[in-house]
Amino acid sequence: MGLPTPKRMQRGAAAHNRAPFQEREIAKRVGGNVTKASGAQGEKGDARVRGVVRIEAKTTSNKSFSVTREIIEKIEAAALGAGEVPYLEIELLGQDGKPTHRVAVLPVWGIDMLLGQQ
């Protein structure tokens, strides 16, 4: 008989399992491709539309997600080096492990470009 897994260790399982599906859904929605090995082999980001946008996907079953400078700088460096707009998509999961909220984080200049103000 094994010991039960503590709740604090169970939370990440839903997000970890959901991540590859999130990446594929984003790539399909934007007409792009999923990055092989989620950027571990040189090409950073989780999905991209070449020459347009580089996407970093994050999913969590926690009540909140912190956007850090490290996350922003990582996707910005990869995107700007390829002439692409950096884009962070965050997915918050409910208790059932299904997405309840999806939000995007883009630099202000990226929004200005999309709105034709630049």
PDB file of N, CA and C in Angstrom:
ATOM      1  N   MET A   1       0.838  -1.174   0.000  1.00  0.00           N
ATOM      2  CA  MET A   1       0.000   0.000   0.000  1.00  0.00           C
ATOM      3  C   MET A   1       0.889   1.246   0.000  1.00  0.00           C
ATOM      4  N   GLY A   2       0.716   2.112  -1.004  1.00  0.00           N
ATOM      5  CA  GLY A   2       1.520   3.321  -1.102  1.00  0.00           C
ATOM      6  C   GLY A   2       0.873   4.488  -0.382  1.00  0.00           C
ATOM      7  N   LEU A   3       1.662   5.481  -0.144  1.00  0.00           N
ATOM      8  CA  LEU A   3       1.164   6.701   0.489  1.00  0.00           C
ATOM      9  C   LEU A   3       0.444   7.555  -0.547  1.00  0.00           C
ATOM     10  N   PRO A   4      -0.598   8.284  -0.140  1.00  0.00           N
ATOM     11  CA  PRO A   4      -1.282   9.165  -1.082  1.00  0.00           C
ATOM     12  C   PRO A   4      -0.382  10.343  -1.463  1.00  0.00           C
ATOM     13  N   THR A   5      -0.539  10.807  -2.678  1.00  0.00           N
ATOM     14  CA  THR A   5       0.233  11.955  -3.153  1.00  0.00           C
ATOM     15  C   THR A   5      -0.329  13.230  -2.526  1.00  0.00           C
ATOM     16  N   PRO A   6       0.519  14.073  -1.930  1.00  0.00           N
ATOM     17  CA  PRO A   6       0.026  15.323  -1.341  1.00  0.00           C
ATOM     18  C   PRO A   6      -0.625  16.214  -2.398  1.00  0.00           C
ATOM     19  N   LYS A   7      -1.646  16.962  -2.015  1.00  0.00           N
ATOM     20  CA  LYS A   7      -2.376  17.822  -2.949  1.00  0.00           C
ATOM     21  C   LYS A   7      -1.470  18.819  -3.660  1.00  0.00           C
ATOM     22  N   ARG A   8      -0.468  19.343  -2.952  1.00  0.00           N
ATOM     23  CA  ARG A   8       0.424  20.326  -3.572  1.00  0.00           C
ATOM     24  C   ARG A   8       1.194  19.730  -4.737  1.00  0.00           C
ATOM     25  N   MET A   9       1.379  18.421  -4.744  1.00  0.00           N
ATOM     26  CA  MET A   9       2.111  17.764  -5.828  1.00  0.00           C
ATOM     27  C   MET A   9       1.171  17.302  -6.938  1.00  0.00           C
ATOM     28  N   GLN A  10      -0.117  17.253  -6.682  1.00  0.00           N
ATOM     29  CA  GLN A  10      -1.093  16.819  -7.672  1.00  0.00           C
ATOM     30  C   GLN A  10      -1.464  17.935  -8.631  1.00  0.00           C
ATOM     31  N   ARG A  11      -1.382  19.184  -8.171  1.00  0.00           N
ATOM     32  CA  ARG A  11      -1.839  20.327  -8.969  1.00  0.00           C
ATOM     33  C   ARG A  11      -1.172  20.434 -10.327  1.00  0.00           C
ATOM     34  N   GLY A  12       0.126  20.221 -10.399  1.00  0.00           N
ATOM     35  CA  GLY A  12       0.840  20.405 -11.650  1.00  0.00           C
ATOM     36  C   GLY A  12       0.557  19.343 -12.690  1.00  0.00           C
ATOM     37  N   ALA A  13       0.023  18.210 -12.282  1.00  0.00           N
ATOM     38  CA  ALA A  13      -0.204  17.110 -13.219  1.00  0.00           C
ATOM     39  C   ALA A  13      -1.168  17.499 -14.335  1.00  0.00           C
ATOM     40  N   ALA A  14      -2.258  18.159 -14.009  1.00  0.00           N
ATOM     41  CA  ALA A  14      -3.232  18.550 -15.028  1.00  0.00           C
ATOM     42  C   ALA A  14      -2.597  19.511 -16.028  1.00  0.00           C
ATOM     43  N   ALA A  15      -1.843  20.476 -15.542  1.00  0.00           N
ATOM     44  CA  ALA A  15      -1.194  21.450 -16.418  1.00  0.00           C
ATOM     45  C   ALA A  15      -0.137  20.774 -17.289  1.00  0.00           C
ATOM     46  N   HIS A  16       0.627  19.879 -16.691  1.00  0.00           N
ATOM     47  CA  HIS A  16       1.666  19.170 -17.431  1.00  0.00           C
ATOM     48  C   HIS A  16       1.054  18.319 -18.550  1.00  0.00           C
ATOM     49  N   ASN A  17      -0.039  17.663 -18.255  1.00  0.00           N
ATOM     50  CA  ASN A  17      -0.711  16.836 -19.257  1.00  0.00           C
ATOM     51  C   ASN A  17      -1.375  17.678 -20.329  1.00  0.00           C
ATOM     52  N   ARG A  18      -1.853  18.842 -19.974  1.00  0.00           N
ATOM     53  CA  ARG A  18      -2.582  19.713 -20.893  1.00  0.00           C
ATOM     54  C   ARG A  18      -1.649  20.452 -21.862  1.00  0.00           C
ATOM     55  N   ALA A  19      -0.415  20.727 -21.459  1.00  0.00           N
ATOM     56  CA  ALA A  19       0.505  21.579 -22.226  1.00  0.00           C
ATOM     57  C   ALA A  19       0.645  21.186 -23.703  1.00  0.00           C
ATOM     58  N   PRO A  20       0.899  19.923 -24.062  1.00  0.00           N
ATOM     59  CA  PRO A  20       1.054  19.598 -25.484  1.00  0.00           C
ATOM     60  C   PRO A  20      -0.216  19.853 -26.301  1.00  0.00           C
ATOM     61  N   PHE A  21      -1.368  19.642 -25.678  1.00  0.00           N
ATOM     62  CA  PHE A  21      -2.635  19.909 -26.365  1.00  0.00           C
ATOM     63  C   PHE A  21      -2.807  21.403 -26.591  1.00  0.00           C
ATOM     64  N   GLN A  22      -2.449  22.198 -25.583  1.00  0.00           N
ATOM     65  CA  GLN A  22      -2.536  23.649 -25.699  1.00  0.00           C
ATOM     66  C   GLN A  22      -1.666  24.126 -26.856  1.00  0.00           C
ATOM     67  N   GLU A  23      -0.439  23.633 -26.939  1.00  0.00           N
ATOM     68  CA  GLU A  23       0.482  24.048 -28.003  1.00  0.00           C
ATOM     69  C   GLU A  23      -0.088  23.718 -29.381  1.00  0.00           C
ATOM     70  N   ARG A  24      -0.630  22.528 -29.529  1.00  0.00           N
ATOM     71  CA  ARG A  24      -1.215  22.135 -30.829  1.00  0.00           C
ATOM     72  C   ARG A  24      -2.435  22.984 -31.173  1.00  0.00           C
ATOM     73  N   GLU A  25      -3.292  23.253 -30.175  1.00  0.00           N
ATOM     74  CA  GLU A  25      -4.479  24.071 -30.407  1.00  0.00           C
ATOM     75  C   GLU A  25      -4.105  25.486 -30.841  1.00  0.00           C
ATOM     76  N   ILE A  26      -3.109  26.063 -30.190  1.00  0.00           N
ATOM     77  CA  ILE A  26      -2.665  27.411 -30.542  1.00  0.00           C
ATOM     78  C   ILE A  26      -2.122  27.421 -31.971  1.00  0.00           C
ATOM     79  N   ALA A  27      -1.237  26.485 -32.274  1.00  0.00           N
ATOM     80  CA  ALA A  27      -0.635  26.430 -33.617  1.00  0.00           C
ATOM     81  C   ALA A  27      -1.715  26.304 -34.686  1.00  0.00           C
ATOM     82  N   LYS A  28      -2.689  25.454 -34.452  1.00  0.00           N
ATOM     83  CA  LYS A  28      -3.776  25.262 -35.423  1.00  0.00           C
ATOM     84  C   LYS A  28      -4.594  26.544 -35.570  1.00  0.00           C
ATOM     85  N   ARG A  29      -4.916  27.180 -34.430  1.00  0.00           N
ATOM     86  CA  ARG A  29      -5.734  28.392 -34.445  1.00  0.00           C
ATOM     87  C   ARG A  29      -5.080  29.531 -35.209  1.00  0.00           C
ATOM     88  N   VAL A  30      -3.757  29.685 -35.072  1.00  0.00           N
ATOM     89  CA  VAL A  30      -3.071  30.807 -35.720  1.00  0.00           C
ATOM     90  C   VAL A  30      -2.496  30.443 -37.091  1.00  0.00           C
ATOM     91  N   GLY A  31      -2.656  29.186 -37.483  1.00  0.00           N
ATOM     92  CA  GLY A  31      -2.143  28.764 -38.789  1.00  0.00           C
ATOM     93  C   GLY A  31      -0.638  28.567 -38.793  1.00  0.00           C
ATOM     94  N   GLY A  32      -0.098  28.161 -37.655  1.00  0.00           N
ATOM     95  CA  GLY A  32       1.347  27.972 -37.543  1.00  0.00           C
ATOM     96  C   GLY A  32       1.726  26.537 -37.262  1.00  0.00           C
ATOM     97  N   ASN A  33       2.906  26.364 -36.720  1.00  0.00           N
ATOM     98  CA  ASN A  33       3.431  25.040 -36.409  1.00  0.00           C
ATOM     99  C   ASN A  33       3.901  24.980 -34.964  1.00  0.00           C
ATOM    100  N   VAL A  34       3.800  23.787 -34.390  1.00  0.00           N
ATOM    101  CA  VAL A  34       4.334  23.546 -33.055  1.00  0.00           C
ATOM    102  C   VAL A  34       5.841  23.403 -33.177  1.00  0.00           C
ATOM    103  N   THR A  35       6.574  23.991 -32.241  1.00  0.00           N
ATOM    104  CA  THR A  35       8.028  23.872 -32.221  1.00  0.00           C
ATOM    105  C   THR A  35       8.399  22.512 -31.646  1.00  0.00           C
ATOM    106  N   LYS A  36       9.250  21.792 -32.332  1.00  0.00           N
ATOM    107  CA  LYS A  36       9.665  20.475 -31.854  1.00  0.00           C
ATOM    108  C   LYS A  36      10.344  20.589 -30.500  1.00  0.00           C
ATOM    109  N   ALA A  37      10.015  19.675 -29.609  1.00  0.00           N
ATOM    110  CA  ALA A  37      10.579  19.608 -28.252  1.00  0.00           C
ATOM    111  C   ALA A  37      10.376  20.913 -27.475  1.00  0.00           C
ATOM    112  N   SER A  38       9.316  21.648 -27.816  1.00  0.00           N
ATOM    113  CA  SER A  38       8.981  22.911 -27.129  1.00  0.00           C
ATOM    114  C   SER A  38      10.168  23.841 -26.987  1.00  0.00           C
ATOM    115  N   GLY A  39      10.979  23.935 -28.006  1.00  0.00           N
ATOM    116  CA  GLY A  39      12.073  24.882 -28.002  1.00  0.00           C
ATOM    117  C   GLY A  39      13.352  24.394 -27.380  1.00  0.00           C
ATOM    118  N   ALA A  40      13.424  23.133 -26.997  1.00  0.00           N
ATOM    119  CA  ALA A  40      14.623  22.617 -26.336  1.00  0.00           C
ATOM    120  C   ALA A  40      15.769  22.347 -27.304  1.00  0.00           C
ATOM    121  N   GLN A  41      15.502  22.385 -28.606  1.00  0.00           N
ATOM    122  CA  GLN A  41      16.534  22.063 -29.588  1.00  0.00           C
ATOM    123  C   GLN A  41      16.985  23.274 -30.390  1.00  0.00           C
ATOM    124  N   GLY A  42      17.025  24.427 -29.778  1.00  0.00           N
ATOM    125  CA  GLY A  42      17.541  25.605 -30.468  1.00  0.00           C
ATOM    126  C   GLY A  42      16.483  26.593 -30.901  1.00  0.00           C
ATOM    127  N   GLU A  43      15.372  26.130 -31.434  1.00  0.00           N
ATOM    128  CA  GLU A  43      14.297  27.024 -31.859  1.00  0.00           C
ATOM    129  C   GLU A  43      13.384  27.270 -30.666  1.00  0.00           C
ATOM    130  N   LYS A  44      13.421  28.473 -30.123  1.00  0.00           N
ATOM    131  CA  LYS A  44      12.692  28.777 -28.889  1.00  0.00           C
ATOM    132  C   LYS A  44      11.222  29.074 -29.153  1.00  0.00           C
ATOM    133  N   GLY A  45      10.425  28.897 -28.122  1.00  0.00           N
ATOM    134  CA  GLY A  45       8.990  29.102 -28.221  1.00  0.00           C
ATOM    135  C   GLY A  45       8.290  27.766 -28.397  1.00  0.00           C
ATOM    136  N   ASP A  46       6.966  27.772 -28.223  1.00  0.00           N
ATOM    137  CA  ASP A  46       6.191  26.543 -28.332  1.00  0.00           C
ATOM    138  C   ASP A  46       5.502  26.400 -29.679  1.00  0.00           C
ATOM    139  N   ALA A  47       5.222  27.525 -30.314  1.00  0.00           N
ATOM    140  CA  ALA A  47       4.588  27.513 -31.639  1.00  0.00           C
ATOM    141  C   ALA A  47       4.981  28.801 -32.345  1.00  0.00           C
ATOM    142  N   ARG A  48       4.830  28.802 -33.672  1.00  0.00           N
ATOM    143  CA  ARG A  48       5.144  30.032 -34.402  1.00  0.00           C
ATOM    144  C   ARG A  48       4.519  30.023 -35.780  1.00  0.00           C
ATOM    145  N   VAL A  49       4.318  31.222 -36.273  1.00  0.00           N
ATOM    146  CA  VAL A  49       4.000  31.448 -37.674  1.00  0.00           C
ATOM    147  C   VAL A  49       5.225  32.182 -38.189  1.00  0.00           C
ATOM    148  N   ARG A  50       6.017  31.503 -38.990  1.00  0.00           N
ATOM    149  CA  ARG A  50       7.302  32.064 -39.440  1.00  0.00           C
ATOM    150  C   ARG A  50       7.147  33.464 -40.034  1.00  0.00           C
ATOM    151  N   GLY A  51       7.982  34.371 -39.513  1.00  0.00           N
ATOM    152  CA  GLY A  51       7.976  35.743 -40.003  1.00  0.00           C
ATOM    153  C   GLY A  51       6.844  36.597 -39.462  1.00  0.00           C
ATOM    154  N   VAL A  52       5.983  36.026 -38.612  1.00  0.00           N
ATOM    155  CA  VAL A  52       4.840  36.776 -38.092  1.00  0.00           C
ATOM    156  C   VAL A  52       4.836  36.809 -36.570  1.00  0.00           C
ATOM    157  N   VAL A  53       4.751  35.639 -35.925  1.00  0.00           N
ATOM    158  CA  VAL A  53       4.592  35.589 -34.478  1.00  0.00           C
ATOM    159  C   VAL A  53       5.304  34.363 -33.892  1.00  0.00           C
ATOM    160  N   ARG A  54       5.867  34.545 -32.688  1.00  0.00           N
ATOM    161  CA  ARG A  54       6.497  33.456 -31.928  1.00  0.00           C
ATOM    162  C   ARG A  54       5.721  33.341 -30.625  1.00  0.00           C
ATOM    163  N   ILE A  55       5.260  32.147 -30.297  1.00  0.00           N
ATOM    164  CA  ILE A  55       4.345  31.955 -29.178  1.00  0.00           C
ATOM    165  C   ILE A  55       4.959  31.087 -28.086  1.00  0.00           C
ATOM    166  N   GLU A  56       4.845  31.567 -26.872  1.00  0.00           N
ATOM    167  CA  GLU A  56       5.209  30.788 -25.687  1.00  0.00           C
ATOM    168  C   GLU A  56       3.892  30.457 -24.989  1.00  0.00           C
ATOM    169  N   ALA A  57       3.613  29.173 -24.787  1.00  0.00           N
ATOM    170  CA  ALA A  57       2.365  28.732 -24.164  1.00  0.00           C
ATOM    171  C   ALA A  57       2.626  28.321 -22.721  1.00  0.00           C
ATOM    172  N   LYS A  58       1.778  28.784 -21.828  1.00  0.00           N
ATOM    173  CA  LYS A  58       1.865  28.420 -20.416  1.00  0.00           C
ATOM    174  C   LYS A  58       0.483  27.997 -19.952  1.00  0.00           C
ATOM    175  N   THR A  59       0.433  26.958 -19.139  1.00  0.00           N
ATOM    176  CA  THR A  59      -0.831  26.516 -18.576  1.00  0.00           C
ATOM    177  C   THR A  59      -0.626  26.184 -17.106  1.00  0.00           C
ATOM    178  N   THR A  60      -1.633  26.492 -16.302  1.00  0.00           N
ATOM    179  CA  THR A  60      -1.512  26.239 -14.869  1.00  0.00           C
ATOM    180  C   THR A  60      -2.865  25.869 -14.279  1.00  0.00           C
ATOM    181  N   SER A  61      -2.814  25.034 -13.261  1.00  0.00           N
ATOM    182  CA  SER A  61      -4.030  24.710 -12.517  1.00  0.00           C
ATOM    183  C   SER A  61      -4.073  25.522 -11.220  1.00  0.00           C
ATOM    184  N   ASN A  62      -3.080  26.378 -11.023  1.00  0.00           N
ATOM    185  CA  ASN A  62      -3.072  27.280  -9.863  1.00  0.00           C
ATOM    186  C   ASN A  62      -4.069  28.418 -10.090  1.00  0.00           C
ATOM    187  N   LYS A  63      -4.342  29.182  -9.057  1.00  0.00           N
ATOM    188  CA  LYS A  63      -5.285  30.298  -9.166  1.00  0.00           C
ATOM    189  C   LYS A  63      -4.695  31.488  -9.900  1.00  0.00           C
ATOM    190  N   SER A  64      -3.369  31.516 -10.043  1.00  0.00           N
ATOM    191  CA  SER A  64      -2.724  32.638 -10.716  1.00  0.00           C
ATOM    192  C   SER A  64      -1.458  32.169 -11.413  1.00  0.00           C
ATOM    193  N   PHE A  65      -0.947  33.036 -12.270  1.00  0.00           N
ATOM    194  CA  PHE A  65       0.293  32.769 -12.991  1.00  0.00           C
ATOM    195  C   PHE A  65       1.086  34.068 -13.032  1.00  0.00           C
ATOM    196  N   SER A  66       2.361  34.018 -12.695  1.00  0.00           N
ATOM    197  CA  SER A  66       3.199  35.212 -12.713  1.00  0.00           C
ATOM    198  C   SER A  66       3.959  35.307 -14.025  1.00  0.00           C
ATOM    199  N   VAL A  67       3.814  36.437 -14.672  1.00  0.00           N
ATOM    200  CA  VAL A  67       4.600  36.716 -15.877  1.00  0.00           C
ATOM    201  C   VAL A  67       5.880  37.386 -15.399  1.00  0.00           C
ATOM    202  N   THR A  68       7.006  36.736 -15.628  1.00  0.00           N
ATOM    203  CA  THR A  68       8.286  37.253 -15.146  1.00  0.00           C
ATOM    204  C   THR A  68       9.081  37.882 -16.288  1.00  0.00           C
ATOM    205  N   ARG A  69      10.054  38.682 -15.922  1.00  0.00           N
ATOM    206  CA  ARG A  69      10.948  39.266 -16.926  1.00  0.00           C
ATOM    207  C   ARG A  69      11.649  38.177 -17.716  1.00  0.00           C
ATOM    208  N   GLU A  70      12.013  37.098 -17.029  1.00  0.00           N
ATOM    209  CA  GLU A  70      12.710  35.990 -17.692  1.00  0.00           C
ATOM    210  C   GLU A  70      11.855  35.398 -18.820  1.00  0.00           C
ATOM    211  N   ILE A  71      10.572  35.189 -18.563  1.00  0.00           N
ATOM    212  CA  ILE A  71       9.673  34.657 -19.590  1.00  0.00           C
ATOM    213  C   ILE A  71       9.567  35.635 -20.753  1.00  0.00           C
ATOM    214  N   ILE A  72       9.355  36.914 -20.425  1.00  0.00           N
ATOM    215  CA  ILE A  72       9.211  37.938 -21.463  1.00  0.00           C
ATOM    216  C   ILE A  72      10.486  38.046 -22.296  1.00  0.00           C
ATOM    217  N   GLU A  73      11.625  38.133 -21.639  1.00  0.00           N
ATOM    218  CA  GLU A  73      12.894  38.300 -22.360  1.00  0.00           C
ATOM    219  C   GLU A  73      13.224  37.093 -23.225  1.00  0.00           C
ATOM    220  N   LYS A  74      12.889  35.904 -22.769  1.00  0.00           N
ATOM    221  CA  LYS A  74      13.152  34.688 -23.541  1.00  0.00           C
ATOM    222  C   LYS A  74      12.377  34.698 -24.861  1.00  0.00           C
ATOM    223  N   ILE A  75      11.068  34.958 -24.800  1.00  0.00           N
ATOM    224  CA  ILE A  75      10.258  34.924 -26.025  1.00  0.00           C
ATOM    225  C   ILE A  75      10.550  36.141 -26.902  1.00  0.00           C
ATOM    226  N   GLU A  76      10.847  37.293 -26.282  1.00  0.00           N
ATOM    227  CA  GLU A  76      11.206  38.484 -27.066  1.00  0.00           C
ATOM    228  C   GLU A  76      12.489  38.257 -27.855  1.00  0.00           C
ATOM    229  N   ALA A  77      13.503  37.697 -27.212  1.00  0.00           N
ATOM    230  CA  ALA A  77      14.783  37.466 -27.889  1.00  0.00           C
ATOM    231  C   ALA A  77      14.615  36.538 -29.077  1.00  0.00           C
ATOM    232  N   ALA A  78      13.855  35.475 -28.892  1.00  0.00           N
ATOM    233  CA  ALA A  78      13.641  34.519 -29.985  1.00  0.00           C
ATOM    234  C   ALA A  78      12.833  35.148 -31.114  1.00  0.00           C
ATOM    235  N   ALA A  79      11.787  35.878 -30.758  1.00  0.00           N
ATOM    236  CA  ALA A  79      10.910  36.467 -31.768  1.00  0.00           C
ATOM    237  C   ALA A  79      11.592  37.588 -32.547  1.00  0.00           C
ATOM    238  N   LEU A  80      12.203  38.509 -31.835  1.00  0.00           N
ATOM    239  CA  LEU A  80      12.807  39.663 -32.497  1.00  0.00           C
ATOM    240  C   LEU A  80      13.961  39.253 -33.394  1.00  0.00           C
ATOM    241  N   GLY A  81      14.689  38.210 -33.010  1.00  0.00           N
ATOM    242  CA  GLY A  81      15.785  37.706 -33.838  1.00  0.00           C
ATOM    243  C   GLY A  81      15.305  37.163 -35.171  1.00  0.00           C
ATOM    244  N   ALA A  82      14.024  36.802 -35.237  1.00  0.00           N
ATOM    245  CA  ALA A  82      13.450  36.259 -36.478  1.00  0.00           C
ATOM    246  C   ALA A  82      12.458  37.222 -37.118  1.00  0.00           C
ATOM    247  N   GLY A  83      12.395  38.458 -36.597  1.00  0.00           N
ATOM    248  CA  GLY A  83      11.472  39.450 -37.144  1.00  0.00           C
ATOM    249  C   GLY A  83      10.015  39.120 -36.857  1.00  0.00           C
ATOM    250  N   GLU A  84       9.753  38.503 -35.697  1.00  0.00           N
ATOM    251  CA  GLU A  84       8.403  38.089 -35.330  1.00  0.00           C
ATOM    252  C   GLU A  84       7.932  38.828 -34.081  1.00  0.00           C
ATOM    253  N   VAL A  85       6.622  38.870 -33.879  1.00  0.00           N
ATOM    254  CA  VAL A  85       6.042  39.476 -32.683  1.00  0.00           C
ATOM    255  C   VAL A  85       6.018  38.423 -31.578  1.00  0.00           C
ATOM    256  N   PRO A  86       6.547  38.725 -30.391  1.00  0.00           N
ATOM    257  CA  PRO A  86       6.477  37.776 -29.283  1.00  0.00           C
ATOM    258  C   PRO A  86       5.076  37.764 -28.677  1.00  0.00           C
ATOM    259  N   TYR A  87       4.619  36.580 -28.307  1.00  0.00           N
ATOM    260  CA  TYR A  87       3.248  36.429 -27.844  1.00  0.00           C
ATOM    261  C   TYR A  87       3.222  35.323 -26.795  1.00  0.00           C
ATOM    262  N   LEU A  88       2.737  35.631 -25.612  1.00  0.00           N
ATOM    263  CA  LEU A  88       2.630  34.677 -24.519  1.00  0.00           C
ATOM    264  C   LEU A  88       1.159  34.376 -24.304  1.00  0.00           C
ATOM    265  N   GLU A  89       0.783  33.100 -24.376  1.00  0.00           N
ATOM    266  CA  GLU A  89      -0.607  32.722 -24.124  1.00  0.00           C
ATOM    267  C   GLU A  89      -0.655  31.905 -22.836  1.00  0.00           C
ATOM    268  N   ILE A  90      -1.483  32.350 -21.904  1.00  0.00           N
ATOM    269  CA  ILE A  90      -1.610  31.712 -20.600  1.00  0.00           C
ATOM    270  C   ILE A  90      -3.001  31.114 -20.484  1.00  0.00           C
ATOM    271  N   GLU A  91      -3.023  29.863 -20.050  1.00  0.00           N
ATOM    272  CA  GLU A  91      -4.276  29.145 -19.900  1.00  0.00           C
ATOM    273  C   GLU A  91      -4.434  28.747 -18.435  1.00  0.00           C
ATOM    274  N   LEU A  92      -5.559  29.122 -17.831  1.00  0.00           N
ATOM    275  CA  LEU A  92      -5.858  28.751 -16.448  1.00  0.00           C
ATOM    276  C   LEU A  92      -6.854  27.598 -16.474  1.00  0.00           C
ATOM    277  N   LEU A  93      -6.535  26.536 -15.755  1.00  0.00           N
ATOM    278  CA  LEU A  93      -7.376  25.352 -15.739  1.00  0.00           C
ATOM    279  C   LEU A  93      -8.284  25.332 -14.521  1.00  0.00           C
ATOM    280  N   GLY A  94      -9.489  24.794 -14.708  1.00  0.00           N
ATOM    281  CA  GLY A  94     -10.411  24.607 -13.595  1.00  0.00           C
ATOM    282  C   GLY A  94     -10.079  23.325 -12.850  1.00  0.00           C
ATOM    283  N   GLN A  95     -10.865  23.014 -11.852  1.00  0.00           N
ATOM    284  CA  GLN A  95     -10.629  21.814 -11.054  1.00  0.00           C
ATOM    285  C   GLN A  95     -10.761  20.539 -11.871  1.00  0.00           C
ATOM    286  N   ASP A  96     -11.504  20.615 -12.969  1.00  0.00           N
ATOM    287  CA  ASP A  96     -11.672  19.446 -13.833  1.00  0.00           C
ATOM    288  C   ASP A  96     -10.528  19.286 -14.828  1.00  0.00           C
ATOM    289  N   GLY A  97      -9.539  20.206 -14.788  1.00  0.00           N
ATOM    290  CA  GLY A  97      -8.399  20.132 -15.694  1.00  0.00           C
ATOM    291  C   GLY A  97      -8.655  20.734 -17.058  1.00  0.00           C
ATOM    292  N   LYS A  98      -9.822  21.353 -17.244  1.00  0.00           N
ATOM    293  CA  LYS A  98     -10.167  21.980 -18.527  1.00  0.00           C
ATOM    294  C   LYS A  98      -9.967  23.487 -18.428  1.00  0.00           C
ATOM    295  N   PRO A  99      -9.601  24.121 -19.542  1.00  0.00           N
ATOM    296  CA  PRO A  99      -9.364  25.570 -19.516  1.00  0.00           C
ATOM    297  C   PRO A  99     -10.612  26.362 -19.142  1.00  0.00           C
ATOM    298  N   THR A 100     -10.437  27.315 -18.223  1.00  0.00           N
ATOM    299  CA  THR A 100     -11.528  28.225 -17.868  1.00  0.00           C
ATOM    300  C   THR A 100     -11.260  29.625 -18.412  1.00  0.00           C
ATOM    301  N   HIS A 101      -9.979  29.975 -18.555  1.00  0.00           N
ATOM    302  CA  HIS A 101      -9.588  31.293 -19.058  1.00  0.00           C
ATOM    303  C   HIS A 101      -8.359  31.156 -19.944  1.00  0.00           C
ATOM    304  N   ARG A 102      -8.327  31.946 -21.002  1.00  0.00           N
ATOM    305  CA  ARG A 102      -7.148  32.038 -21.860  1.00  0.00           C
ATOM    306  C   ARG A 102      -6.884  33.519 -22.087  1.00  0.00           C
ATOM    307  N   VAL A 103      -5.649  33.930 -21.817  1.00  0.00           N
ATOM    308  CA  VAL A 103      -5.282  35.324 -22.016  1.00  0.00           C
ATOM    309  C   VAL A 103      -3.977  35.396 -22.805  1.00  0.00           C
ATOM    310  N   ALA A 104      -3.792  36.510 -23.483  1.00  0.00           N
ATOM    311  CA  ALA A 104      -2.570  36.724 -24.263  1.00  0.00           C
ATOM    312  C   ALA A 104      -1.824  37.925 -23.708  1.00  0.00           C
ATOM    313  N   VAL A 105      -0.511  37.830 -23.718  1.00  0.00           N
ATOM    314  CA  VAL A 105       0.349  38.933 -23.313  1.00  0.00           C
ATOM    315  C   VAL A 105       1.223  39.268 -24.516  1.00  0.00           C
ATOM    316  N   LEU A 106       1.113  40.491 -24.998  1.00  0.00           N
ATOM    317  CA  LEU A 106       1.907  40.979 -26.118  1.00  0.00           C
ATOM    318  C   LEU A 106       2.534  42.306 -25.732  1.00  0.00           C
ATOM    319  N   PRO A 107       3.675  42.646 -26.345  1.00  0.00           N
ATOM    320  CA  PRO A 107       4.229  43.981 -26.081  1.00  0.00           C
ATOM    321  C   PRO A 107       3.301  45.042 -26.672  1.00  0.00           C
ATOM    322  N   VAL A 108       3.313  46.216 -26.088  1.00  0.00           N
ATOM    323  CA  VAL A 108       2.445  47.303 -26.554  1.00  0.00           C
ATOM    324  C   VAL A 108       2.688  47.605 -28.024  1.00  0.00           C
ATOM    325  N   TRP A 109       3.955  47.575 -28.472  1.00  0.00           N
ATOM    326  CA  TRP A 109       4.230  47.866 -29.880  1.00  0.00           C
ATOM    327  C   TRP A 109       3.598  46.807 -30.787  1.00  0.00           C
ATOM    328  N   GLY A 110       3.433  45.592 -30.292  1.00  0.00           N
ATOM    329  CA  GLY A 110       2.773  44.545 -31.071  1.00  0.00           C
ATOM    330  C   GLY A 110       1.289  44.830 -31.242  1.00  0.00           C
ATOM    331  N   ILE A 111       0.666  45.313 -30.182  1.00  0.00           N
ATOM    332  CA  ILE A 111      -0.751  45.707 -30.250  1.00  0.00           C
ATOM    333  C   ILE A 111      -0.902  46.888 -31.203  1.00  0.00           C
ATOM    334  N   ASP A 112       0.000  47.870 -31.098  1.00  0.00           N
ATOM    335  CA  ASP A 112      -0.039  49.030 -31.995  1.00  0.00           C
ATOM    336  C   ASP A 112       0.054  48.599 -33.454  1.00  0.00           C
ATOM    337  N   MET A 113       0.952  47.623 -33.722  1.00  0.00           N
ATOM    338  CA  MET A 113       1.086  47.111 -35.086  1.00  0.00           C
ATOM    339  C   MET A 113      -0.211  46.493 -35.565  1.00  0.00           C
ATOM    340  N   LEU A 114      -0.825  45.671 -34.711  1.00  0.00           N
ATOM    341  CA  LEU A 114      -2.076  44.997 -35.078  1.00  0.00           C
ATOM    342  C   LEU A 114      -3.187  45.988 -35.338  1.00  0.00           C
ATOM    343  N   LEU A 115      -3.172  47.093 -34.612  1.00  0.00           N
ATOM    344  CA  LEU A 115      -4.216  48.113 -34.773  1.00  0.00           C
ATOM    345  C   LEU A 115      -3.868  49.131 -35.852  1.00  0.00           C
ATOM    346  N   GLY A 116      -2.740  48.924 -36.510  1.00  0.00           N
ATOM    347  CA  GLY A 116      -2.341  49.828 -37.594  1.00  0.00           C
ATOM    348  C   GLY A 116      -1.895  51.185 -37.117  1.00  0.00           C
ATOM    349  N   GLN A 117      -1.393  51.269 -35.888  1.00  0.00           N
ATOM    350  CA  GLN A 117      -0.966  52.553 -35.343  1.00  0.00           C
ATOM    351  C   GLN A 117       0.531  52.727 -35.348  1.00  0.00           C
ATOM    352  N   GLN A 118       1.223  51.854 -36.061  1.00  0.00           N
ATOM    353  CA  GLN A 118       2.679  51.975 -36.084  1.00  0.00           C
ATOM    354  C   GLN A 118       3.193  51.902 -37.490  1.00  0.00           C
TER     355      GLN A 118
END
